[in-house]
Amino acid sequence: MLVDIEQFHAEEIRADPGGGILPPGGRGDEDEAFLVLEGDLTLRLGDDERRVGGETWAFVPSGVPYALAATDNAPTRFLRIRVPTTGDVTDVVVRRAGGVEGEKITDRPERRATILIETDSLTISEFHYGPGQRGARPHVHHLHADAFLVVEGEFTFHLRDGSRSLSAGTLIVLPPDVVHGFDNDSSAHARCFNFHMPSLGFADYLRGRNPGFDQHDPPADGGVDPATVVVEHLSQ
């Protein structure tokens, strides 16, 4: 277990080749998503099987029976996240990251933003920033949590008590009302996945269609103590 807060649960899971990982089931109160970090997964949905390779997200809504198994080729390592469901979707989504699939909101050599998963309960976006690219200025979300998984390079996160540079393999989770911002202050490219839960229309905010999105200037009192921020490092 990496993170266990009200809005977001995250686990890093390893499995031997050919081994079953999660038995058939489907939680009625949570939506789930999986990111394959190493190897391959087989996602079983009744009589249907879908191969989920590296750098690929799979989203399974609450109540959808499924099972996961590692392929026979090599050990598998993946991230599993769970968020409280809003019951708005019933479709399973499998989408490859790295700019291969998803909706590109921005697509320039120095900056790319891609929406991979978009539901009411969870939005997963992928940000690719060139050297020195500015991200979001310090702000707060009152009604939802925000999280980032750095997968390439290094991002600097700005909190009330100072800035922290986090490298690839680091997950940071920011509960509601914690002031935060981020930039790529390095001289190399950096890439991360960003999670908003619940989404509250974050994808539309990126599209420029949601001016009332839950994003606000830092409060005069500095917001919630940044000691509530969770920072975990995935194994390599």
C-alpha atoms as a PDB file:
ATOM      1  CA  MET A   1       0.000   0.000   0.000  1.00  0.00           C
ATOM      2  CA  LEU A   2       1.373   3.392  -1.018  1.00  0.00           C
ATOM      3  CA  VAL A   3      -1.506   5.750  -0.255  1.00  0.00           C
ATOM      4  CA  ASP A   4      -4.700   5.289   1.730  1.00  0.00           C
ATOM      5  CA  ILE A   5      -6.747   8.468   2.081  1.00  0.00           C
ATOM      6  CA  GLU A   6     -10.445   9.131   1.593  1.00  0.00           C
ATOM      7  CA  GLN A   7     -10.167  10.286  -2.014  1.00  0.00           C
ATOM      8  CA  PHE A   8      -7.378   8.036  -3.293  1.00  0.00           C
ATOM      9  CA  HIS A   9      -5.909   4.612  -2.630  1.00  0.00           C
ATOM     10  CA  ALA A  10      -2.776   3.385  -4.410  1.00  0.00           C
ATOM     11  CA  GLU A  11      -0.896   0.085  -4.334  1.00  0.00           C
ATOM     12  CA  GLU A  12       2.176  -1.176  -6.147  1.00  0.00           C
ATOM     13  CA  ILE A  13       1.750  -4.857  -7.043  1.00  0.00           C
ATOM     14  CA  ARG A  14       4.222  -7.440  -8.349  1.00  0.00           C
ATOM     15  CA  ALA A  15       3.365 -10.861  -9.781  1.00  0.00           C
ATOM     16  CA  ASP A  16       5.308 -13.820 -11.144  1.00  0.00           C
ATOM     17  CA  PRO A  17       4.829 -14.865 -14.793  1.00  0.00           C
ATOM     18  CA  GLY A  18       1.515 -16.592 -15.399  1.00  0.00           C
ATOM     19  CA  GLY A  19       0.199 -15.907 -11.940  1.00  0.00           C
ATOM     20  CA  GLY A  20      -3.300 -14.747 -11.147  1.00  0.00           C
ATOM     21  CA  ILE A  21      -3.283 -11.450  -9.285  1.00  0.00           C
ATOM     22  CA  LEU A  22      -6.815 -10.386  -8.489  1.00  0.00           C
ATOM     23  CA  PRO A  23      -9.684 -12.897  -8.542  1.00  0.00           C
ATOM     24  CA  PRO A  24     -12.926 -12.260 -10.411  1.00  0.00           C
ATOM     25  CA  GLY A  25     -14.871  -9.514  -8.762  1.00  0.00           C
ATOM     26  CA  GLY A  26     -15.798  -5.865  -8.884  1.00  0.00           C
ATOM     27  CA  ARG A  27     -16.184  -3.484  -5.981  1.00  0.00           C
ATOM     28  CA  GLY A  28     -19.515  -1.719  -5.947  1.00  0.00           C
ATOM     29  CA  ASP A  29     -18.214   1.418  -4.213  1.00  0.00           C
ATOM     30  CA  GLU A  30     -14.956   2.114  -6.041  1.00  0.00           C
ATOM     31  CA  ASP A  31     -13.697   2.680  -9.572  1.00  0.00           C
ATOM     32  CA  GLU A  32     -10.255   1.263 -10.300  1.00  0.00           C
ATOM     33  CA  ALA A  33      -7.392   1.989 -12.676  1.00  0.00           C
ATOM     34  CA  PHE A  34      -4.170   0.128 -13.391  1.00  0.00           C
ATOM     35  CA  LEU A  35      -0.878   1.328 -14.906  1.00  0.00           C
ATOM     36  CA  VAL A  36       1.498  -1.375 -16.113  1.00  0.00           C
ATOM     37  CA  LEU A  37       5.054  -0.448 -15.125  1.00  0.00           C
ATOM     38  CA  GLU A  38       6.826  -3.665 -16.156  1.00  0.00           C
ATOM     39  CA  GLY A  39       5.707  -6.721 -18.097  1.00  0.00           C
ATOM     40  CA  ASP A  40       2.137  -7.276 -19.292  1.00  0.00           C
ATOM     41  CA  LEU A  41      -1.261  -7.920 -17.739  1.00  0.00           C
ATOM     42  CA  THR A  42      -4.248  -9.838 -19.015  1.00  0.00           C
ATOM     43  CA  LEU A  43      -7.524  -8.156 -18.081  1.00  0.00           C
ATOM     44  CA  ARG A  44     -10.386 -10.689 -18.116  1.00  0.00           C
ATOM     45  CA  LEU A  45     -13.924  -9.374 -18.507  1.00  0.00           C
ATOM     46  CA  GLY A  46     -16.254 -12.344 -18.721  1.00  0.00           C
ATOM     47  CA  ASP A  47     -15.405 -14.133 -21.986  1.00  0.00           C
ATOM     48  CA  ASP A  48     -13.316 -11.195 -23.199  1.00  0.00           C
ATOM     49  CA  GLU A  49      -9.588 -10.807 -22.590  1.00  0.00           C
ATOM     50  CA  ARG A  50      -7.558  -7.658 -23.139  1.00  0.00           C
ATOM     51  CA  ARG A  51      -3.795  -7.451 -23.094  1.00  0.00           C
ATOM     52  CA  VAL A  52      -2.518  -4.453 -21.154  1.00  0.00           C
ATOM     53  CA  GLY A  53       1.102  -3.713 -21.979  1.00  0.00           C
ATOM     54  CA  GLY A  54       3.655  -1.355 -20.539  1.00  0.00           C
ATOM     55  CA  GLU A  55       2.854   2.363 -20.344  1.00  0.00           C
ATOM     56  CA  THR A  56      -0.858   1.518 -20.581  1.00  0.00           C
ATOM     57  CA  TRP A  57      -3.733   2.499 -18.307  1.00  0.00           C
ATOM     58  CA  ALA A  58      -6.806   0.311 -17.799  1.00  0.00           C
ATOM     59  CA  PHE A  59      -9.884   1.781 -16.109  1.00  0.00           C
ATOM     60  CA  VAL A  60     -12.571  -0.524 -14.664  1.00  0.00           C
ATOM     61  CA  PRO A  61     -15.785   1.064 -13.312  1.00  0.00           C
ATOM     62  CA  SER A  62     -17.368  -0.094 -10.084  1.00  0.00           C
ATOM     63  CA  GLY A  63     -19.469  -3.231 -10.280  1.00  0.00           C
ATOM     64  CA  VAL A  64     -17.815  -4.557 -13.473  1.00  0.00           C
ATOM     65  CA  PRO A  65     -16.570  -8.120 -12.776  1.00  0.00           C
ATOM     66  CA  TYR A  66     -12.965  -8.604 -13.824  1.00  0.00           C
ATOM     67  CA  ALA A  67      -9.829 -10.578 -13.094  1.00  0.00           C
ATOM     68  CA  LEU A  68      -6.163  -9.782 -13.654  1.00  0.00           C
ATOM     69  CA  ALA A  69      -3.356 -12.170 -14.513  1.00  0.00           C
ATOM     70  CA  ALA A  70       0.304 -11.722 -15.332  1.00  0.00           C
ATOM     71  CA  THR A  71       1.376 -12.988 -18.744  1.00  0.00           C
ATOM     72  CA  ASP A  72       3.686 -15.964 -19.093  1.00  0.00           C
ATOM     73  CA  ASN A  73       6.616 -13.949 -20.412  1.00  0.00           C
ATOM     74  CA  ALA A  74       8.073 -12.069 -17.469  1.00  0.00           C
ATOM     75  CA  PRO A  75       7.308 -10.746 -13.997  1.00  0.00           C
ATOM     76  CA  THR A  76       4.758  -7.947 -13.904  1.00  0.00           C
ATOM     77  CA  ARG A  77       4.748  -4.778 -11.834  1.00  0.00           C
ATOM     78  CA  PHE A  78       1.860  -2.347 -11.871  1.00  0.00           C
ATOM     79  CA  LEU A  79       0.186   0.480 -10.002  1.00  0.00           C
ATOM     80  CA  ARG A  80      -3.400  -0.001  -8.866  1.00  0.00           C
ATOM     81  CA  ILE A  81      -5.453   2.998  -7.820  1.00  0.00           C
ATOM     82  CA  ARG A  82      -8.965   3.088  -6.363  1.00  0.00           C
ATOM     83  CA  VAL A  83     -11.292   6.070  -5.988  1.00  0.00           C
ATOM     84  CA  PRO A  84     -14.848   6.412  -4.652  1.00  0.00           C
ATOM     85  CA  THR A  85     -17.241   5.822  -7.532  1.00  0.00           C
ATOM     86  CA  THR A  86     -19.810   8.299  -8.766  1.00  0.00           C
ATOM     87  CA  GLY A  87     -21.523   5.611 -10.871  1.00  0.00           C
ATOM     88  CA  ASP A  88     -21.411   7.701 -14.047  1.00  0.00           C
ATOM     89  CA  VAL A  89     -19.765   5.173 -16.394  1.00  0.00           C
ATOM     90  CA  THR A  90     -20.011   1.482 -17.200  1.00  0.00           C
ATOM     91  CA  ASP A  91     -17.365   1.157 -19.924  1.00  0.00           C
ATOM     92  CA  VAL A  92     -13.896  -0.265 -19.437  1.00  0.00           C
ATOM     93  CA  VAL A  93     -11.148   1.894 -20.958  1.00  0.00           C
ATOM     94  CA  VAL A  94      -7.686   0.669 -22.010  1.00  0.00           C
ATOM     95  CA  ARG A  95      -5.447   3.459 -23.261  1.00  0.00           C
ATOM     96  CA  ARG A  96      -1.723   3.625 -23.976  1.00  0.00           C
ATOM     97  CA  ALA A  97       0.247   6.588 -22.640  1.00  0.00           C
ATOM     98  CA  GLY A  98       3.356   8.286 -24.018  1.00  0.00           C
ATOM     99  CA  GLY A  99       1.424  10.382 -26.523  1.00  0.00           C
ATOM    100  CA  VAL A 100       0.217   7.278 -28.396  1.00  0.00           C
ATOM    101  CA  GLU A 101      -3.477   7.462 -27.413  1.00  0.00           C
ATOM    102  CA  GLY A 102      -5.800   9.845 -25.652  1.00  0.00           C
ATOM    103  CA  GLU A 103      -6.986  13.364 -26.392  1.00  0.00           C
ATOM    104  CA  LYS A 104      -4.128  15.819 -26.866  1.00  0.00           C
ATOM    105  CA  ILE A 105      -5.097  19.190 -25.428  1.00  0.00           C
ATOM    106  CA  THR A 106      -1.670  20.726 -26.065  1.00  0.00           C
ATOM    107  CA  ASP A 107       0.836  19.224 -28.481  1.00  0.00           C
ATOM    108  CA  ARG A 108       3.998  21.253 -28.951  1.00  0.00           C
ATOM    109  CA  PRO A 109       7.642  20.118 -28.812  1.00  0.00           C
ATOM    110  CA  GLU A 110       8.114  21.794 -25.434  1.00  0.00           C
ATOM    111  CA  ARG A 111       4.757  20.852 -23.918  1.00  0.00           C
ATOM    112  CA  ARG A 112       2.161  18.117 -24.345  1.00  0.00           C
ATOM    113  CA  ALA A 113      -0.977  17.550 -22.277  1.00  0.00           C
ATOM    114  CA  THR A 114      -3.084  14.439 -22.961  1.00  0.00           C
ATOM    115  CA  ILE A 115      -6.308  13.278 -21.346  1.00  0.00           C
ATOM    116  CA  LEU A 116      -6.213   9.490 -20.889  1.00  0.00           C
ATOM    117  CA  ILE A 117      -9.141   8.743 -18.553  1.00  0.00           C
ATOM    118  CA  GLU A 118     -12.115  11.060 -18.072  1.00  0.00           C
ATOM    119  CA  THR A 119     -14.957  10.181 -15.696  1.00  0.00           C
ATOM    120  CA  ASP A 120     -16.724  12.037 -12.896  1.00  0.00           C
ATOM    121  CA  SER A 121     -14.787  10.070 -10.290  1.00  0.00           C
ATOM    122  CA  LEU A 122     -11.315  10.293 -11.844  1.00  0.00           C
ATOM    123  CA  THR A 123      -9.412  12.169 -14.521  1.00  0.00           C
ATOM    124  CA  ILE A 124      -5.956  10.912 -15.509  1.00  0.00           C
ATOM    125  CA  SER A 125      -3.884  13.270 -17.627  1.00  0.00           C
ATOM    126  CA  GLU A 126      -0.330  12.999 -18.920  1.00  0.00           C
ATOM    127  CA  PHE A 127       1.944  16.053 -18.913  1.00  0.00           C
ATOM    128  CA  HIS A 128       5.189  16.206 -20.890  1.00  0.00           C
ATOM    129  CA  TYR A 129       7.240  19.342 -20.172  1.00  0.00           C
ATOM    130  CA  GLY A 130      10.431  20.507 -21.828  1.00  0.00           C
ATOM    131  CA  PRO A 131      13.370  21.976 -19.887  1.00  0.00           C
ATOM    132  CA  GLY A 132      12.399  24.992 -17.834  1.00  0.00           C
ATOM    133  CA  GLN A 133       8.683  24.807 -18.679  1.00  0.00           C
ATOM    134  CA  ARG A 134       6.329  26.423 -16.178  1.00  0.00           C
ATOM    135  CA  GLY A 135       3.407  24.379 -14.874  1.00  0.00           C
ATOM    136  CA  ALA A 136       0.690  25.571 -12.488  1.00  0.00           C
ATOM    137  CA  ARG A 137       1.183  28.490 -10.101  1.00  0.00           C
ATOM    138  CA  PRO A 138       0.438  27.783  -6.420  1.00  0.00           C
ATOM    139  CA  HIS A 139      -3.275  27.186  -5.884  1.00  0.00           C
ATOM    140  CA  VAL A 140      -5.707  25.085  -3.855  1.00  0.00           C
ATOM    141  CA  HIS A 141      -8.618  22.750  -4.562  1.00  0.00           C
ATOM    142  CA  HIS A 142     -11.327  22.905  -1.903  1.00  0.00           C
ATOM    143  CA  LEU A 143     -13.466  19.964  -3.010  1.00  0.00           C
ATOM    144  CA  HIS A 144     -11.088  17.359  -4.418  1.00  0.00           C
ATOM    145  CA  ALA A 145      -7.624  15.824  -4.155  1.00  0.00           C
ATOM    146  CA  ASP A 146      -4.800  16.136  -6.682  1.00  0.00           C
ATOM    147  CA  ALA A 147      -1.916  13.738  -7.286  1.00  0.00           C
ATOM    148  CA  PHE A 148       1.081  13.298  -9.580  1.00  0.00           C
ATOM    149  CA  LEU A 149       3.216  10.305 -10.556  1.00  0.00           C
ATOM    150  CA  VAL A 150       6.547  11.397 -12.009  1.00  0.00           C
ATOM    151  CA  VAL A 151       7.619   8.890 -14.682  1.00  0.00           C
ATOM    152  CA  GLU A 152      10.485  10.688 -16.453  1.00  0.00           C
ATOM    153  CA  GLY A 153      12.872  13.401 -15.368  1.00  0.00           C
ATOM    154  CA  GLU A 154      12.122  15.632 -12.415  1.00  0.00           C
ATOM    155  CA  PHE A 155       9.392  18.059 -11.366  1.00  0.00           C
ATOM    156  CA  THR A 156       9.577  20.718  -8.675  1.00  0.00           C
ATOM    157  CA  PHE A 157       6.486  20.962  -6.450  1.00  0.00           C
ATOM    158  CA  HIS A 158       5.898  24.202  -4.575  1.00  0.00           C
ATOM    159  CA  LEU A 159       4.256  23.866  -1.154  1.00  0.00           C
ATOM    160  CA  ARG A 160       3.560  26.304   1.657  1.00  0.00           C
ATOM    161  CA  ASP A 161       6.757  25.389   3.474  1.00  0.00           C
ATOM    162  CA  GLY A 162       9.062  25.323   0.439  1.00  0.00           C
ATOM    163  CA  SER A 163       9.756  23.465  -2.803  1.00  0.00           C
ATOM    164  CA  ARG A 164      10.608  19.812  -3.369  1.00  0.00           C
ATOM    165  CA  SER A 165      12.167  18.277  -6.475  1.00  0.00           C
ATOM    166  CA  LEU A 166      10.758  14.813  -7.131  1.00  0.00           C
ATOM    167  CA  SER A 167      12.280  12.405  -9.616  1.00  0.00           C
ATOM    168  CA  ALA A 168      10.905   9.530 -11.697  1.00  0.00           C
ATOM    169  CA  GLY A 169       9.129   6.864  -9.677  1.00  0.00           C
ATOM    170  CA  THR A 170       7.735   9.291  -7.094  1.00  0.00           C
ATOM    171  CA  LEU A 171       4.038   9.645  -6.283  1.00  0.00           C
ATOM    172  CA  ILE A 172       2.797  12.796  -4.527  1.00  0.00           C
ATOM    173  CA  VAL A 173      -0.792  13.133  -3.271  1.00  0.00           C
ATOM    174  CA  LEU A 174      -2.186  16.518  -2.251  1.00  0.00           C
ATOM    175  CA  PRO A 175      -5.370  16.481  -0.135  1.00  0.00           C
ATOM    176  CA  PRO A 176      -7.964  19.254  -0.486  1.00  0.00           C
ATOM    177  CA  ASP A 177      -6.943  22.771   0.635  1.00  0.00           C
ATOM    178  CA  VAL A 178      -3.194  22.094   0.425  1.00  0.00           C
ATOM    179  CA  VAL A 179      -1.468  24.905  -1.500  1.00  0.00           C
ATOM    180  CA  HIS A 180       0.616  23.497  -4.342  1.00  0.00           C
ATOM    181  CA  GLY A 181       2.082  24.306  -7.741  1.00  0.00           C
ATOM    182  CA  PHE A 182       4.630  22.653 -10.012  1.00  0.00           C
ATOM    183  CA  ASP A 183       7.235  23.371 -12.707  1.00  0.00           C
ATOM    184  CA  ASN A 184       9.982  21.621 -14.612  1.00  0.00           C
ATOM    185  CA  ASP A 185      12.966  23.496 -13.223  1.00  0.00           C
ATOM    186  CA  SER A 186      15.451  21.027 -14.679  1.00  0.00           C
ATOM    187  CA  SER A 187      17.491  21.127 -17.879  1.00  0.00           C
ATOM    188  CA  ALA A 188      15.887  17.922 -19.190  1.00  0.00           C
ATOM    189  CA  HIS A 189      12.438  16.815 -20.334  1.00  0.00           C
ATOM    190  CA  ALA A 190      10.045  15.584 -17.644  1.00  0.00           C
ATOM    191  CA  ARG A 191       6.814  13.599 -17.778  1.00  0.00           C
ATOM    192  CA  CYS A 192       4.150  12.797 -15.209  1.00  0.00           C
ATOM    193  CA  PHE A 193       0.623  11.480 -14.781  1.00  0.00           C
ATOM    194  CA  ASN A 194      -1.808  13.779 -13.011  1.00  0.00           C
ATOM    195  CA  PHE A 195      -4.899  12.580 -11.123  1.00  0.00           C
ATOM    196  CA  HIS A 196      -7.937  14.585 -10.007  1.00  0.00           C
ATOM    197  CA  MET A 197     -10.471  12.773  -7.793  1.00  0.00           C
ATOM    198  CA  PRO A 198     -13.289  13.457  -8.059  1.00  0.00           C
ATOM    199  CA  SER A 199     -12.745  15.162 -11.401  1.00  0.00           C
ATOM    200  CA  LEU A 200     -15.141  18.108 -11.076  1.00  0.00           C
ATOM    201  CA  GLY A 201     -14.684  18.827 -14.780  1.00  0.00           C
ATOM    202  CA  PHE A 202     -10.871  19.037 -14.817  1.00  0.00           C
ATOM    203  CA  ALA A 203     -10.674  17.804 -18.412  1.00  0.00           C
ATOM    204  CA  ASP A 204     -13.021  20.563 -19.517  1.00  0.00           C
ATOM    205  CA  TYR A 205     -10.900  23.030 -17.523  1.00  0.00           C
ATOM    206  CA  LEU A 206      -7.900  21.957 -19.621  1.00  0.00           C
ATOM    207  CA  ARG A 207     -10.038  22.446 -22.729  1.00  0.00           C
ATOM    208  CA  GLY A 208     -10.872  25.974 -21.597  1.00  0.00           C
ATOM    209  CA  ARG A 209     -14.557  25.157 -21.029  1.00  0.00           C
ATOM    210  CA  ASN A 210     -14.873  25.150 -17.239  1.00  0.00           C
ATOM    211  CA  PRO A 211     -14.043  28.575 -15.783  1.00  0.00           C
ATOM    212  CA  GLY A 212     -15.712  27.610 -12.490  1.00  0.00           C
ATOM    213  CA  PHE A 213     -13.389  24.658 -11.863  1.00  0.00           C
ATOM    214  CA  ASP A 214     -12.393  24.031  -8.250  1.00  0.00           C
ATOM    215  CA  GLN A 215      -9.031  25.843  -8.462  1.00  0.00           C
ATOM    216  CA  HIS A 216      -8.427  28.899  -6.296  1.00  0.00           C
ATOM    217  CA  ASP A 217      -5.717  31.298  -5.202  1.00  0.00           C
ATOM    218  CA  PRO A 218      -3.876  30.368  -2.013  1.00  0.00           C
ATOM    219  CA  PRO A 219      -5.781  31.500   1.095  1.00  0.00           C
ATOM    220  CA  ALA A 220      -4.350  34.137   3.403  1.00  0.00           C
ATOM    221  CA  ASP A 221      -3.760  31.557   6.143  1.00  0.00           C
ATOM    222  CA  GLY A 222      -1.630  29.401   3.836  1.00  0.00           C
ATOM    223  CA  GLY A 223      -4.092  26.524   3.589  1.00  0.00           C
ATOM    224  CA  VAL A 224      -3.921  23.081   5.164  1.00  0.00           C
ATOM    225  CA  ASP A 225      -0.647  21.983   6.749  1.00  0.00           C
ATOM    226  CA  PRO A 226       1.511  20.426   3.978  1.00  0.00           C
ATOM    227  CA  ALA A 227       2.421  17.685   6.453  1.00  0.00           C
ATOM    228  CA  THR A 228      -0.764  16.014   5.167  1.00  0.00           C
ATOM    229  CA  VAL A 229       0.857  15.584   1.729  1.00  0.00           C
ATOM    230  CA  VAL A 230       1.791  11.978   0.939  1.00  0.00           C
ATOM    231  CA  VAL A 231       5.037  11.288  -0.952  1.00  0.00           C
ATOM    232  CA  GLU A 232       5.897   7.683  -1.826  1.00  0.00           C
ATOM    233  CA  HIS A 233       8.602   6.159  -4.002  1.00  0.00           C
ATOM    234  CA  LEU A 234       7.811   3.200  -6.242  1.00  0.00           C
ATOM    235  CA  SER A 235      10.324   0.382  -6.389  1.00  0.00           C
ATOM    236  CA  GLN A 236      12.629   0.217  -9.371  1.00  0.00           C
END
